[in-house]
Amino acid sequence: MILEGLRLVVLGMVTVFVFLILLVWLMSGSAWFFRRFGHLFPEPSPLASPTAAAVDAGGADRARVAAMIAAVHAHRARRRG
């Protein structure tokens, strides 16, 4: 019974060790790949992001944000007074 438990412990530890070694190997390979071929994957500019364009496109989002800020201020004022 104890021998079976030890066998399971060793099997589990070996499995975790192999998984972690594989993970480190894949991460190192990924780092090498992006160091070598990173110029093929340009960083998108923050101004070209769809969320920035959506917020800047219409005043409705700005009005919604302003309403949320006003609601928070009103709530905090009501709690204090």
Protein backbone atom coordinates (compact mmCIF):
# COMPACT_ATOMS: atom_id res chain seq x y z
CA MET A 1 0.00 0.00 0.00
CA ILE A 2 2.77 2.46 0.93
CA LEU A 3 4.75 1.35 -2.13
CA GLU A 4 1.79 2.16 -4.38
CA GLY A 5 1.49 5.60 -2.77
CA LEU A 6 5.17 6.29 -3.31
CA ARG A 7 4.85 5.13 -6.90
CA LEU A 8 1.96 7.57 -7.44
CA VAL A 9 3.90 10.41 -5.81
CA VAL A 10 6.91 9.79 -8.03
CA LEU A 11 4.74 9.49 -11.13
CA GLY A 12 2.98 12.76 -10.30
CA MET A 13 6.20 14.61 -9.61
CA VAL A 14 7.78 13.33 -12.82
CA THR A 15 4.70 14.37 -14.77
CA VAL A 16 4.81 17.89 -13.32
CA PHE A 17 8.56 18.13 -13.89
CA VAL A 18 8.24 17.06 -17.53
CA PHE A 19 5.37 19.52 -18.05
CA LEU A 20 7.40 22.39 -16.56
CA ILE A 21 10.46 21.50 -18.65
CA LEU A 22 8.27 21.43 -21.76
CA LEU A 23 6.75 24.78 -20.80
CA VAL A 24 10.17 26.39 -20.33
CA TRP A 25 11.33 24.94 -23.64
CA LEU A 26 8.27 26.28 -25.47
CA MET A 27 8.63 29.72 -23.85
CA SER A 28 12.31 29.87 -24.83
CA GLY A 29 11.42 28.84 -28.37
CA SER A 30 8.73 31.48 -28.51
CA ALA A 31 11.15 34.15 -27.26
CA TRP A 32 13.73 33.11 -29.86
CA PHE A 33 11.08 33.17 -32.61
CA PHE A 34 9.86 36.67 -31.74
CA ARG A 35 13.40 38.01 -31.33
CA ARG A 36 14.24 36.71 -34.78
CA PHE A 37 10.95 37.44 -36.60
CA GLY A 38 9.52 40.23 -34.45
CA HIS A 39 9.91 42.77 -37.23
CA LEU A 40 7.18 40.91 -39.13
CA PHE A 41 4.66 41.63 -36.35
CA PRO A 42 4.49 45.43 -35.97
CA GLU A 43 2.94 46.92 -32.85
CA PRO A 44 -0.43 48.57 -33.53
CA SER A 45 -0.50 52.26 -32.74
CA PRO A 46 -2.73 53.25 -29.81
CA LEU A 47 -4.61 55.72 -32.01
CA ALA A 48 -5.60 52.97 -34.42
CA SER A 49 -7.22 50.78 -31.78
CA PRO A 50 -10.93 50.13 -32.32
CA THR A 51 -11.87 51.09 -28.77
CA ALA A 52 -10.11 54.45 -29.00
CA ALA A 53 -11.82 55.10 -32.33
CA ALA A 54 -15.21 54.14 -30.90
CA VAL A 55 -14.83 56.45 -27.91
CA ASP A 56 -13.55 59.34 -30.02
CA ALA A 57 -16.12 58.79 -32.78
CA GLY A 58 -19.23 59.87 -30.94
CA GLY A 59 -20.21 62.11 -28.09
CA ALA A 60 -22.61 59.47 -26.75
CA ASP A 61 -19.81 57.56 -25.03
CA ARG A 62 -18.40 60.74 -23.54
CA ALA A 63 -21.85 61.74 -22.31
CA ARG A 64 -22.30 58.31 -20.73
CA VAL A 65 -18.95 58.59 -18.95
CA ALA A 66 -19.84 62.09 -17.74
CA ALA A 67 -23.18 60.79 -16.43
CA MET A 68 -21.42 57.96 -14.55
CA ILE A 69 -18.97 60.38 -12.97
CA ALA A 70 -21.81 62.69 -11.95
CA ALA A 71 -23.72 59.76 -10.44
CA VAL A 72 -20.69 58.69 -8.40
CA HIS A 73 -20.19 62.24 -7.12
CA ALA A 74 -23.88 62.54 -6.21
CA HIS A 75 -23.81 59.19 -4.41
CA ARG A 76 -20.72 60.14 -2.43
CA ALA A 77 -22.23 63.54 -1.53
CA ARG A 78 -25.43 61.85 -0.32
CA ARG A 79 -23.48 59.41 1.85
CA ARG A 80 -21.50 62.24 3.52
CA GLY A 81 -24.39 64.55 4.16
